[in-house]
Structure formats: C-alpha cells, structure tokens
C-alpha cells in the first residue's frame, strides 16, 4: 500500500531562517542603504510565523509611512520566501540616521548594511604553508630517529646526540650568546605569526563604499595612484608627477615647467580631489600636494598697465 506524498514527511522552517529573511527584507523596503537592521527575532508555530524587526530609518522621513512600508514589505517578503503565513510583523524604529547627502559628507565609515567597511581578511596561505612545512619536516626527522631507536633498537643518530649535548651546554639559562640568539629568533617568529593572525592583511587594498547591501568591494592602491598620476600629468605646465597612496594619506609631488604656481596648485588640488572622490573609497584619505618649480621655470611676465593718453 503506497503512502500519500503529503503523509511521508514534514518540512519545518527554523526560527533562525525566518529571522534572517525578515532582517534582510527590512533592508529592501526603501531605497538601497536607507534602512539598517539592528536586531530581529522570529517565532514559528506550525505554518504561522511572527517576526519582530528593529530598524534604523533615514532622516528626514515620515515615520508612520516609512514604518508601514517596512512592516508591509517584511510581512509579504517573509511569507513569500518561507511559505508560512505571517499574520503580524512588528517593526520598531530604534534610531534615525541623517542621510549622507543631508549631512554634507559621504557616510564613508559604514556600508549600506550597517557594517563598518574594512579590508578583506587575508588567508595568509604562504606564511602558514611555509611554517607548517618547516615544522612538519623537523618533526618528521625527529620522529623517524625516535622510532628507529625504540622500535628497531638502533643507536640514536649522531646529529641528535650532538644537538642535545649542544643545547644542554649552550642554553639561554647559561648566558651563552648562541642560545640566547636562538631563543630571541624563536620569540620574534612567534610574535610575527601572532601579528599575522590578528591583522587583516591586504595592505595594498582600500575598502570601497559598497554599491549594494552585502557587497564588499576593494580597490588596489596602485590603481588609485595610476589614476591620479594620469589625471594630474595632463594639466598644463605639469611635467612630472609622483603619487604615493597610503591607507590614510595621499601625497602628490609634481613639477611645474611654466605658468603661475598658485593657480597650478589650485588646479592640481581640485583634480586630485575629484579623482579620489570618483574612486569611491570608504574613507577618503587626506590629500597632500607638493608642487615645485622646475629648474628652467621662470615667472610669467606681467604686462605693465597702459598709461593714460598712450596708444594701446
């Protein structure tokens, strides 16, 4: 006797899945990046689900209209994606955030999902692989000699006996410099590995303002330097340009072959600021301009004003 398909099992949607869907749906209610989810909760009972979402809305905005749009979108989107009935969706407005355009400056430190923009975390594959291979090789050699002694009854290898004797007579506790130097090298290696473990790496990349939620973008500092160099080199009078892009400061050094220094410096600063803004980095670095006259530069001659009664 065959069992009907509807009686062969059951599908259960976890509270965690409904909570994540509701939190994501809240960020999609208004324009991208305007709604941030602070906290969300969900409870599933049979085929019904209740959700509770705390959000941050942009300012200025009509709170009742914005809140109703968020609540309606959360309920409809959650019901459509989970297949559950969502009779009630509770939305709590915990905070208001001034729009970047209203504040007069870009919201550089944060992305649209409410997460601080950071560099991507490096996997550190090369240092870890090298350290693991060296440690495995050393341990393998020692293990082979120990097993040969205890399992096969061989005498210990001469190099291991000499090494143990040297360590016993040249250890750091005896004040001998070779042992102290070896201990200091091991200490430096451990500190270096700890620094690699707790730092993100990828120092040559700058985080960008993400165009969409849950999208993380980066740009190479060399790319930003190339764009700046190309832009400032096309200015009138600029013969050479060197650009150094750091994590928090950009230095532009240029030489002027002809023209006035002050207008050229203003044009150089304006061009560099425009290029930096177009790169879309999350935290705009400070700009430092150094403009120097070339050895063959001469101040432009100013024509004397014509006297009254003289022909122009």
C-alpha atoms as a PDB file:
ATOM      1  CA  UNK A   1       0.000   0.000   0.000  1.00  0.00           C
ATOM      2  CA  UNK A   2       1.522   3.316  -1.042  1.00  0.00           C
ATOM      3  CA  UNK A   3       1.566   6.241   1.366  1.00  0.00           C
ATOM      4  CA  UNK A   4       0.365   9.588   0.011  1.00  0.00           C
ATOM      5  CA  UNK A   5       3.131  12.093  -0.663  1.00  0.00           C
ATOM      6  CA  UNK A   6       1.673  14.524   1.870  1.00  0.00           C
ATOM      7  CA  UNK A   7       1.984  11.931   4.669  1.00  0.00           C
ATOM      8  CA  UNK A   8       5.565  10.814   4.000  1.00  0.00           C
ATOM      9  CA  UNK A   9       7.232  13.619   5.986  1.00  0.00           C
ATOM     10  CA  UNK A  10       7.123  17.226   7.050  1.00  0.00           C
ATOM     11  CA  UNK A  11       9.065  20.381   6.245  1.00  0.00           C
ATOM     12  CA  UNK A  12       9.969  22.637   9.139  1.00  0.00           C
ATOM     13  CA  UNK A  13      11.368  26.135   8.734  1.00  0.00           C
ATOM     14  CA  UNK A  14      13.666  27.104  11.587  1.00  0.00           C
ATOM     15  CA  UNK A  15      13.197  30.323  13.518  1.00  0.00           C
ATOM     16  CA  UNK A  16      16.729  31.375  12.578  1.00  0.00           C
ATOM     17  CA  UNK A  17      15.998  31.177   8.857  1.00  0.00           C
ATOM     18  CA  UNK A  18      12.809  33.222   9.220  1.00  0.00           C
ATOM     19  CA  UNK A  19      14.662  35.794  11.347  1.00  0.00           C
ATOM     20  CA  UNK A  20      17.404  36.240   8.744  1.00  0.00           C
ATOM     21  CA  UNK A  21      14.890  36.545   5.922  1.00  0.00           C
ATOM     22  CA  UNK A  22      12.890  39.150   7.842  1.00  0.00           C
ATOM     23  CA  UNK A  23      16.026  41.175   8.627  1.00  0.00           C
ATOM     24  CA  UNK A  24      17.102  41.130   5.003  1.00  0.00           C
ATOM     25  CA  UNK A  25      13.613  42.027   3.813  1.00  0.00           C
ATOM     26  CA  UNK A  26      13.602  45.108   6.046  1.00  0.00           C
ATOM     27  CA  UNK A  27      16.688  46.488   4.265  1.00  0.00           C
ATOM     28  CA  UNK A  28      14.923  46.073   0.903  1.00  0.00           C
ATOM     29  CA  UNK A  29      11.811  48.064   1.840  1.00  0.00           C
ATOM     30  CA  UNK A  30      13.133  51.522   0.923  1.00  0.00           C
ATOM     31  CA  UNK A  31      15.986  52.691  -1.293  1.00  0.00           C
ATOM     32  CA  UNK A  32      19.224  50.684  -1.066  1.00  0.00           C
ATOM     33  CA  UNK A  33      21.175  51.572   2.055  1.00  0.00           C
ATOM     34  CA  UNK A  34      18.467  53.654   3.755  1.00  0.00           C
ATOM     35  CA  UNK A  35      17.219  51.002   6.194  1.00  0.00           C
ATOM     36  CA  UNK A  36      19.546  49.245   8.594  1.00  0.00           C
ATOM     37  CA  UNK A  37      18.585  46.262  10.691  1.00  0.00           C
ATOM     38  CA  UNK A  38      19.695  46.461  14.316  1.00  0.00           C
ATOM     39  CA  UNK A  39      18.014  43.353  15.695  1.00  0.00           C
ATOM     40  CA  UNK A  40      15.435  40.836  14.516  1.00  0.00           C
ATOM     41  CA  UNK A  41      13.525  37.915  16.048  1.00  0.00           C
ATOM     42  CA  UNK A  42      11.131  35.287  14.727  1.00  0.00           C
ATOM     43  CA  UNK A  43       8.897  32.574  16.159  1.00  0.00           C
ATOM     44  CA  UNK A  44       7.421  29.750  14.059  1.00  0.00           C
ATOM     45  CA  UNK A  45       4.372  27.831  15.268  1.00  0.00           C
ATOM     46  CA  UNK A  46       3.193  25.306  12.738  1.00  0.00           C
ATOM     47  CA  UNK A  47       2.511  27.122   9.492  1.00  0.00           C
ATOM     48  CA  UNK A  48       2.422  30.574  11.082  1.00  0.00           C
ATOM     49  CA  UNK A  49       5.312  32.874  11.901  1.00  0.00           C
ATOM     50  CA  UNK A  50       5.643  36.067  13.886  1.00  0.00           C
ATOM     51  CA  UNK A  51       8.565  38.393  13.245  1.00  0.00           C
ATOM     52  CA  UNK A  52       9.972  41.358  15.148  1.00  0.00           C
ATOM     53  CA  UNK A  53      12.487  43.682  13.485  1.00  0.00           C
ATOM     54  CA  UNK A  54      14.281  46.732  14.926  1.00  0.00           C
ATOM     55  CA  UNK A  55      15.452  49.135  12.247  1.00  0.00           C
ATOM     56  CA  UNK A  56      17.204  52.452  11.718  1.00  0.00           C
ATOM     57  CA  UNK A  57      15.415  54.773   9.301  1.00  0.00           C
ATOM     58  CA  UNK A  58      16.784  57.751   7.377  1.00  0.00           C
ATOM     59  CA  UNK A  59      16.128  61.308   8.498  1.00  0.00           C
ATOM     60  CA  UNK A  60      14.187  63.295   7.474  1.00  0.00           C
ATOM     61  CA  UNK A  61      11.299  60.978   6.638  1.00  0.00           C
ATOM     62  CA  UNK A  62       7.653  60.498   7.584  1.00  0.00           C
ATOM     63  CA  UNK A  63       7.938  57.826  10.229  1.00  0.00           C
ATOM     64  CA  UNK A  64       4.461  56.332  10.006  1.00  0.00           C
ATOM     65  CA  UNK A  65       4.622  55.983   6.236  1.00  0.00           C
ATOM     66  CA  UNK A  66       8.176  54.621   6.218  1.00  0.00           C
ATOM     67  CA  UNK A  67       7.447  52.253   9.091  1.00  0.00           C
ATOM     68  CA  UNK A  68       4.305  50.952   7.400  1.00  0.00           C
ATOM     69  CA  UNK A  69       6.199  50.346   4.163  1.00  0.00           C
ATOM     70  CA  UNK A  70       8.870  48.421   6.027  1.00  0.00           C
ATOM     71  CA  UNK A  71       6.306  46.391   8.003  1.00  0.00           C
ATOM     72  CA  UNK A  72       4.264  45.524   4.899  1.00  0.00           C
ATOM     73  CA  UNK A  73       7.341  44.555   2.898  1.00  0.00           C
ATOM     74  CA  UNK A  74       8.724  42.412   5.721  1.00  0.00           C
ATOM     75  CA  UNK A  75       5.452  40.517   6.107  1.00  0.00           C
ATOM     76  CA  UNK A  76       4.906  39.966   2.366  1.00  0.00           C
ATOM     77  CA  UNK A  77       8.525  39.090   1.575  1.00  0.00           C
ATOM     78  CA  UNK A  78       8.890  36.700   4.520  1.00  0.00           C
ATOM     79  CA  UNK A  79       5.622  34.927   3.702  1.00  0.00           C
ATOM     80  CA  UNK A  80       6.557  34.576   0.033  1.00  0.00           C
ATOM     81  CA  UNK A  81      10.053  33.210   0.670  1.00  0.00           C
ATOM     82  CA  UNK A  82       9.200  30.875   3.563  1.00  0.00           C
ATOM     83  CA  UNK A  83       5.748  29.709   2.517  1.00  0.00           C
ATOM     84  CA  UNK A  84       4.458  30.499   6.003  1.00  0.00           C
ATOM     85  CA  UNK A  85       1.600  32.746   6.992  1.00  0.00           C
ATOM     86  CA  UNK A  86       2.856  35.922   8.638  1.00  0.00           C
ATOM     87  CA  UNK A  87      -0.200  37.441  10.368  1.00  0.00           C
ATOM     88  CA  UNK A  88       1.848  40.009  12.244  1.00  0.00           C
ATOM     89  CA  UNK A  89       5.168  41.707  11.625  1.00  0.00           C
ATOM     90  CA  UNK A  90       6.323  44.115  14.285  1.00  0.00           C
ATOM     91  CA  UNK A  91       8.731  46.890  13.279  1.00  0.00           C
ATOM     92  CA  UNK A  92      10.392  49.047  15.913  1.00  0.00           C
ATOM     93  CA  UNK A  93      12.233  52.215  14.901  1.00  0.00           C
ATOM     94  CA  UNK A  94      15.206  52.435  17.242  1.00  0.00           C
ATOM     95  CA  UNK A  95      17.162  55.240  15.639  1.00  0.00           C
ATOM     96  CA  UNK A  96      17.157  57.863  12.897  1.00  0.00           C
ATOM     97  CA  UNK A  97      20.188  58.424  10.699  1.00  0.00           C
ATOM     98  CA  UNK A  98      20.904  61.559   8.712  1.00  0.00           C
ATOM     99  CA  UNK A  99      21.344  60.861   5.026  1.00  0.00           C
ATOM    100  CA  UNK A 100      24.852  61.336   3.673  1.00  0.00           C
ATOM    101  CA  UNK A 101      23.637  63.981   1.238  1.00  0.00           C
ATOM    102  CA  UNK A 102      21.920  65.894   4.054  1.00  0.00           C
ATOM    103  CA  UNK A 103      24.964  65.704   6.284  1.00  0.00           C
ATOM    104  CA  UNK A 104      27.159  67.212   3.582  1.00  0.00           C
ATOM    105  CA  UNK A 105      29.710  64.395   3.508  1.00  0.00           C
ATOM    106  CA  UNK A 106      29.670  60.742   2.476  1.00  0.00           C
ATOM    107  CA  UNK A 107      28.977  58.106   5.086  1.00  0.00           C
ATOM    108  CA  UNK A 108      32.413  56.684   4.469  1.00  0.00           C
ATOM    109  CA  UNK A 109      32.945  54.556   7.547  1.00  0.00           C
ATOM    110  CA  UNK A 110      29.840  52.432   7.099  1.00  0.00           C
ATOM    111  CA  UNK A 111      28.346  50.419   4.282  1.00  0.00           C
ATOM    112  CA  UNK A 112      24.672  50.052   3.447  1.00  0.00           C
ATOM    113  CA  UNK A 113      24.235  47.004   5.675  1.00  0.00           C
ATOM    114  CA  UNK A 114      25.292  48.825   8.830  1.00  0.00           C
ATOM    115  CA  UNK A 115      28.688  47.088   8.934  1.00  0.00           C
ATOM    116  CA  UNK A 116      31.881  49.076   9.156  1.00  0.00           C
ATOM    117  CA  UNK A 117      33.790  48.970   5.891  1.00  0.00           C
ATOM    118  CA  UNK A 118      37.015  47.050   6.376  1.00  0.00           C
ATOM    119  CA  UNK A 119      39.718  45.462   4.304  1.00  0.00           C
ATOM    120  CA  UNK A 120      39.150  41.831   3.363  1.00  0.00           C
ATOM    121  CA  UNK A 121      40.814  39.306   5.660  1.00  0.00           C
ATOM    122  CA  UNK A 122      43.832  37.654   4.115  1.00  0.00           C
ATOM    123  CA  UNK A 123      44.102  33.884   4.289  1.00  0.00           C
ATOM    124  CA  UNK A 124      47.890  34.136   4.894  1.00  0.00           C
ATOM    125  CA  UNK A 125      48.434  30.973   2.894  1.00  0.00           C
ATOM    126  CA  UNK A 126      52.133  31.485   2.151  1.00  0.00           C
ATOM    127  CA  UNK A 127      53.371  32.154   5.741  1.00  0.00           C
ATOM    128  CA  UNK A 128      51.171  29.408   7.155  1.00  0.00           C
ATOM    129  CA  UNK A 129      52.249  26.920   4.482  1.00  0.00           C
ATOM    130  CA  UNK A 130      55.952  27.684   4.961  1.00  0.00           C
ATOM    131  CA  UNK A 131      55.732  27.452   8.758  1.00  0.00           C
ATOM    132  CA  UNK A 132      53.717  24.226   8.563  1.00  0.00           C
ATOM    133  CA  UNK A 133      56.112  22.598   6.092  1.00  0.00           C
ATOM    134  CA  UNK A 134      59.207  23.519   8.117  1.00  0.00           C
ATOM    135  CA  UNK A 135      57.627  22.322  11.367  1.00  0.00           C
ATOM    136  CA  UNK A 136      56.430  19.093   9.717  1.00  0.00           C
ATOM    137  CA  UNK A 137      59.873  18.398   8.239  1.00  0.00           C
ATOM    138  CA  UNK A 138      61.665  18.960  11.557  1.00  0.00           C
ATOM    139  CA  UNK A 139      59.140  16.885  13.496  1.00  0.00           C
ATOM    140  CA  UNK A 140      59.297  14.145  10.859  1.00  0.00           C
ATOM    141  CA  UNK A 141      63.066  13.843  11.110  1.00  0.00           C
ATOM    142  CA  UNK A 142      62.966  13.684  14.923  1.00  0.00           C
ATOM    143  CA  UNK A 143      60.082  11.196  14.858  1.00  0.00           C
ATOM    144  CA  UNK A 144      61.940   8.903  12.460  1.00  0.00           C
ATOM    145  CA  UNK A 145      65.003   8.813  14.665  1.00  0.00           C
ATOM    146  CA  UNK A 146      62.965   8.212  17.848  1.00  0.00           C
ATOM    147  CA  UNK A 147      61.028   5.352  16.236  1.00  0.00           C
ATOM    148  CA  UNK A 148      64.250   3.856  14.892  1.00  0.00           C
ATOM    149  CA  UNK A 149      65.710   3.846  18.397  1.00  0.00           C
ATOM    150  CA  UNK A 150      62.678   2.463  20.285  1.00  0.00           C
ATOM    151  CA  UNK A 151      61.182   0.187  17.625  1.00  0.00           C
ATOM    152  CA  UNK A 152      64.223  -1.134  15.763  1.00  0.00           C
ATOM    153  CA  UNK A 153      66.742  -0.938  18.604  1.00  0.00           C
ATOM    154  CA  UNK A 154      69.180   1.270  16.721  1.00  0.00           C
ATOM    155  CA  UNK A 155      71.522   3.695  18.372  1.00  0.00           C
ATOM    156  CA  UNK A 156      70.466   7.355  18.350  1.00  0.00           C
ATOM    157  CA  UNK A 157      71.661   9.372  15.401  1.00  0.00           C
ATOM    158  CA  UNK A 158      74.889  11.238  15.937  1.00  0.00           C
ATOM    159  CA  UNK A 159      73.373  14.574  14.941  1.00  0.00           C
ATOM    160  CA  UNK A 160      70.585  14.242  17.531  1.00  0.00           C
ATOM    161  CA  UNK A 161      73.022  13.339  20.305  1.00  0.00           C
ATOM    162  CA  UNK A 162      75.281  16.247  19.382  1.00  0.00           C
ATOM    163  CA  UNK A 163      72.293  18.594  19.216  1.00  0.00           C
ATOM    164  CA  UNK A 164      71.040  17.573  22.661  1.00  0.00           C
ATOM    165  CA  UNK A 165      74.526  17.970  24.106  1.00  0.00           C
ATOM    166  CA  UNK A 166      74.941  21.392  22.497  1.00  0.00           C
ATOM    167  CA  UNK A 167      71.554  22.563  23.797  1.00  0.00           C
ATOM    168  CA  UNK A 168      72.421  21.328  27.296  1.00  0.00           C
ATOM    169  CA  UNK A 169      75.652  23.313  27.336  1.00  0.00           C
ATOM    170  CA  UNK A 170      74.610  26.390  25.360  1.00  0.00           C
ATOM    171  CA  UNK A 171      71.079  27.065  26.597  1.00  0.00           C
ATOM    172  CA  UNK A 172      69.795  30.588  27.316  1.00  0.00           C
ATOM    173  CA  UNK A 173      69.942  29.893  31.069  1.00  0.00           C
ATOM    174  CA  UNK A 174      73.730  29.647  30.867  1.00  0.00           C
ATOM    175  CA  UNK A 175      74.127  33.093  29.358  1.00  0.00           C
ATOM    176  CA  UNK A 176      75.844  31.876  26.182  1.00  0.00           C
ATOM    177  CA  UNK A 177      75.080  34.113  23.221  1.00  0.00           C
ATOM    178  CA  UNK A 178      74.239  31.403  20.604  1.00  0.00           C
ATOM    179  CA  UNK A 179      71.454  30.011  22.774  1.00  0.00           C
ATOM    180  CA  UNK A 180      70.164  33.472  23.627  1.00  0.00           C
ATOM    181  CA  UNK A 181      70.193  34.433  19.944  1.00  0.00           C
ATOM    182  CA  UNK A 182      68.270  31.282  19.002  1.00  0.00           C
ATOM    183  CA  UNK A 183      65.692  31.938  21.728  1.00  0.00           C
ATOM    184  CA  UNK A 184      65.299  35.539  20.583  1.00  0.00           C
ATOM    185  CA  UNK A 185      64.794  34.377  16.978  1.00  0.00           C
ATOM    186  CA  UNK A 186      62.085  31.949  18.077  1.00  0.00           C
ATOM    187  CA  UNK A 187      60.427  34.748  20.065  1.00  0.00           C
ATOM    188  CA  UNK A 188      60.447  37.058  17.036  1.00  0.00           C
ATOM    189  CA  UNK A 189      58.986  34.299  14.882  1.00  0.00           C
ATOM    190  CA  UNK A 190      56.163  33.730  17.373  1.00  0.00           C
ATOM    191  CA  UNK A 191      55.385  37.465  17.605  1.00  0.00           C
ATOM    192  CA  UNK A 192      55.358  37.713  13.798  1.00  0.00           C
ATOM    193  CA  UNK A 193      52.943  34.796  13.468  1.00  0.00           C
ATOM    194  CA  UNK A 194      50.662  36.330  16.127  1.00  0.00           C
ATOM    195  CA  UNK A 195      50.632  39.660  14.292  1.00  0.00           C
ATOM    196  CA  UNK A 196      49.722  37.866  11.066  1.00  0.00           C
ATOM    197  CA  UNK A 197      46.920  36.051  12.856  1.00  0.00           C
ATOM    198  CA  UNK A 198      45.226  39.158  14.294  1.00  0.00           C
ATOM    199  CA  UNK A 199      45.659  41.590  11.378  1.00  0.00           C
ATOM    200  CA  UNK A 200      43.575  41.537   8.195  1.00  0.00           C
ATOM    201  CA  UNK A 201      46.416  41.923   5.714  1.00  0.00           C
ATOM    202  CA  UNK A 202      45.973  43.086   2.122  1.00  0.00           C
ATOM    203  CA  UNK A 203      47.571  46.438   2.966  1.00  0.00           C
ATOM    204  CA  UNK A 204      47.703  47.240  -0.740  1.00  0.00           C
ATOM    205  CA  UNK A 205      43.897  47.391  -0.970  1.00  0.00           C
ATOM    206  CA  UNK A 206      41.456  50.074   0.138  1.00  0.00           C
ATOM    207  CA  UNK A 207      37.827  49.244   1.032  1.00  0.00           C
ATOM    208  CA  UNK A 208      35.210  50.923  -1.147  1.00  0.00           C
ATOM    209  CA  UNK A 209      31.681  52.070  -0.440  1.00  0.00           C
ATOM    210  CA  UNK A 210      29.585  49.011  -1.435  1.00  0.00           C
ATOM    211  CA  UNK A 211      27.064  49.671  -4.205  1.00  0.00           C
ATOM    212  CA  UNK A 212      24.582  47.130  -2.782  1.00  0.00           C
ATOM    213  CA  UNK A 213      23.954  45.535   0.620  1.00  0.00           C
ATOM    214  CA  UNK A 214      26.162  42.535   1.412  1.00  0.00           C
ATOM    215  CA  UNK A 215      28.546  43.557  -1.389  1.00  0.00           C
ATOM    216  CA  UNK A 216      32.132  44.240  -0.319  1.00  0.00           C
ATOM    217  CA  UNK A 217      34.417  45.955  -2.813  1.00  0.00           C
ATOM    218  CA  UNK A 218      38.087  46.932  -2.684  1.00  0.00           C
ATOM    219  CA  UNK A 219      40.468  48.829  -4.937  1.00  0.00           C
ATOM    220  CA  UNK A 220      44.239  48.490  -5.181  1.00  0.00           C
ATOM    221  CA  UNK A 221      46.263  51.438  -4.009  1.00  0.00           C
ATOM    222  CA  UNK A 222      48.411  51.123  -7.129  1.00  0.00           C
ATOM    223  CA  UNK A 223      45.299  51.605  -9.260  1.00  0.00           C
ATOM    224  CA  UNK A 224      44.355  54.783  -7.392  1.00  0.00           C
ATOM    225  CA  UNK A 225      47.926  56.038  -7.771  1.00  0.00           C
ATOM    226  CA  UNK A 226      47.869  55.353 -11.522  1.00  0.00           C
ATOM    227  CA  UNK A 227      44.565  57.205 -11.944  1.00  0.00           C
ATOM    228  CA  UNK A 228      45.856  60.205 -10.010  1.00  0.00           C
ATOM    229  CA  UNK A 229      49.148  60.254 -11.900  1.00  0.00           C
ATOM    230  CA  UNK A 230      47.413  60.166 -15.261  1.00  0.00           C
ATOM    231  CA  UNK A 231      44.950  62.908 -14.293  1.00  0.00           C
ATOM    232  CA  UNK A 232      47.484  65.379 -12.882  1.00  0.00           C
ATOM    233  CA  UNK A 233      50.029  64.757 -15.647  1.00  0.00           C
ATOM    234  CA  UNK A 234      47.563  66.143 -18.196  1.00  0.00           C
ATOM    235  CA  UNK A 235      47.339  69.539 -16.506  1.00  0.00           C
ATOM    236  CA  UNK A 236      49.004  72.485 -18.285  1.00  0.00           C
ATOM    237  CA  UNK A 237      52.571  73.049 -17.150  1.00  0.00           C
ATOM    238  CA  UNK A 238      52.931  69.789 -15.193  1.00  0.00           C
ATOM    239  CA  UNK A 239      55.956  67.887 -16.488  1.00  0.00           C
ATOM    240  CA  UNK A 240      56.391  65.163 -13.897  1.00  0.00           C
ATOM    241  CA  UNK A 241      54.190  63.716 -11.202  1.00  0.00           C
ATOM    242  CA  UNK A 242      54.796  61.176  -8.468  1.00  0.00           C
ATOM    243  CA  UNK A 243      51.916  59.819  -6.447  1.00  0.00           C
ATOM    244  CA  UNK A 244      52.057  57.793  -3.264  1.00  0.00           C
ATOM    245  CA  UNK A 245      48.800  56.352  -1.947  1.00  0.00           C
ATOM    246  CA  UNK A 246      48.741  55.221   1.662  1.00  0.00           C
ATOM    247  CA  UNK A 247      45.928  53.922   3.787  1.00  0.00           C
ATOM    248  CA  UNK A 248      45.090  57.350   5.194  1.00  0.00           C
ATOM    249  CA  UNK A 249      47.121  59.832   3.169  1.00  0.00           C
ATOM    250  CA  UNK A 250      47.755  60.524  -0.491  1.00  0.00           C
ATOM    251  CA  UNK A 251      50.846  62.517  -1.440  1.00  0.00           C
ATOM    252  CA  UNK A 252      51.153  64.093  -4.889  1.00  0.00           C
ATOM    253  CA  UNK A 253      54.520  65.579  -5.894  1.00  0.00           C
ATOM    254  CA  UNK A 254      54.628  67.442  -9.181  1.00  0.00           C
ATOM    255  CA  UNK A 255      56.919  69.776 -11.077  1.00  0.00           C
ATOM    256  CA  UNK A 256      55.809  72.908 -12.910  1.00  0.00           C
ATOM    257  CA  UNK A 257      57.595  73.921 -16.109  1.00  0.00           C
ATOM    258  CA  UNK A 258      55.641  77.078 -16.927  1.00  0.00           C
ATOM    259  CA  UNK A 259      52.759  79.091 -15.547  1.00  0.00           C
ATOM    260  CA  UNK A 260      51.967  80.559 -12.154  1.00  0.00           C
ATOM    261  CA  UNK A 261      52.391  78.430  -9.057  1.00  0.00           C
ATOM    262  CA  UNK A 262      49.244  79.311  -7.121  1.00  0.00           C
ATOM    263  CA  UNK A 263      46.715  78.675  -9.937  1.00  0.00           C
ATOM    264  CA  UNK A 264      48.558  75.487 -10.865  1.00  0.00           C
ATOM    265  CA  UNK A 265      48.446  74.285  -7.251  1.00  0.00           C
ATOM    266  CA  UNK A 266      44.709  75.006  -7.064  1.00  0.00           C
ATOM    267  CA  UNK A 267      44.076  73.111 -10.303  1.00  0.00           C
ATOM    268  CA  UNK A 268      46.237  70.237  -9.092  1.00  0.00           C
ATOM    269  CA  UNK A 269      44.356  70.020  -5.801  1.00  0.00           C
ATOM    270  CA  UNK A 270      40.951  70.191  -7.476  1.00  0.00           C
ATOM    271  CA  UNK A 271      41.847  67.468  -9.972  1.00  0.00           C
ATOM    272  CA  UNK A 272      43.257  65.155  -7.296  1.00  0.00           C
ATOM    273  CA  UNK A 273      40.191  65.608  -5.085  1.00  0.00           C
ATOM    274  CA  UNK A 274      37.873  64.851  -8.000  1.00  0.00           C
ATOM    275  CA  UNK A 275      39.741  61.663  -8.895  1.00  0.00           C
ATOM    276  CA  UNK A 276      39.783  60.489  -5.269  1.00  0.00           C
ATOM    277  CA  UNK A 277      36.048  61.072  -4.982  1.00  0.00           C
ATOM    278  CA  UNK A 278      35.414  59.112  -8.181  1.00  0.00           C
ATOM    279  CA  UNK A 279      37.314  56.089  -6.812  1.00  0.00           C
ATOM    280  CA  UNK A 280      34.581  55.537  -4.225  1.00  0.00           C
ATOM    281  CA  UNK A 281      36.837  54.551  -1.315  1.00  0.00           C
ATOM    282  CA  UNK A 282      35.051  54.124   2.014  1.00  0.00           C
ATOM    283  CA  UNK A 283      37.323  56.502   3.909  1.00  0.00           C
ATOM    284  CA  UNK A 284      38.729  59.264   1.734  1.00  0.00           C
ATOM    285  CA  UNK A 285      42.432  59.674   2.575  1.00  0.00           C
ATOM    286  CA  UNK A 286      43.918  63.051   3.360  1.00  0.00           C
ATOM    287  CA  UNK A 287      45.420  64.780   0.349  1.00  0.00           C
ATOM    288  CA  UNK A 288      48.872  66.376   0.417  1.00  0.00           C
ATOM    289  CA  UNK A 289      50.051  68.414  -2.568  1.00  0.00           C
ATOM    290  CA  UNK A 290      53.683  69.365  -3.202  1.00  0.00           C
ATOM    291  CA  UNK A 291      54.254  71.496  -6.279  1.00  0.00           C
ATOM    292  CA  UNK A 292      57.733  72.747  -7.123  1.00  0.00           C
ATOM    293  CA  UNK A 293      59.045  74.789  -9.986  1.00  0.00           C
ATOM    294  CA  UNK A 294      61.362  73.063 -12.435  1.00  0.00           C
ATOM    295  CA  UNK A 295      64.955  74.371 -12.782  1.00  0.00           C
ATOM    296  CA  UNK A 296      64.108  76.095 -16.075  1.00  0.00           C
ATOM    297  CA  UNK A 297      60.896  77.682 -14.763  1.00  0.00           C
ATOM    298  CA  UNK A 298      60.519  81.436 -14.976  1.00  0.00           C
ATOM    299  CA  UNK A 299      57.821  83.601 -13.534  1.00  0.00           C
ATOM    300  CA  UNK A 300      55.374  84.718 -16.235  1.00  0.00           C
ATOM    301  CA  UNK A 301      55.910  88.287 -17.348  1.00  0.00           C
ATOM    302  CA  UNK A 302      53.160  90.684 -16.461  1.00  0.00           C
ATOM    303  CA  UNK A 303      52.376  93.451 -18.915  1.00  0.00           C
ATOM    304  CA  UNK A 304      52.508  96.912 -17.379  1.00  0.00           C
ATOM    305  CA  UNK A 305      49.207  98.837 -17.410  1.00  0.00           C
ATOM    306  CA  UNK A 306      48.962 101.349 -20.220  1.00  0.00           C
ATOM    307  CA  UNK A 307      49.264 104.998 -19.213  1.00  0.00           C
ATOM    308  CA  UNK A 308      46.521 107.475 -19.898  1.00  0.00           C
ATOM    309  CA  UNK A 309      46.871 109.139 -23.292  1.00  0.00           C
ATOM    310  CA  UNK A 310      49.139 106.429 -24.695  1.00  0.00           C
ATOM    311  CA  UNK A 311      48.058 104.315 -27.594  1.00  0.00           C
ATOM    312  CA  UNK A 312      47.122 100.756 -26.718  1.00  0.00           C
END
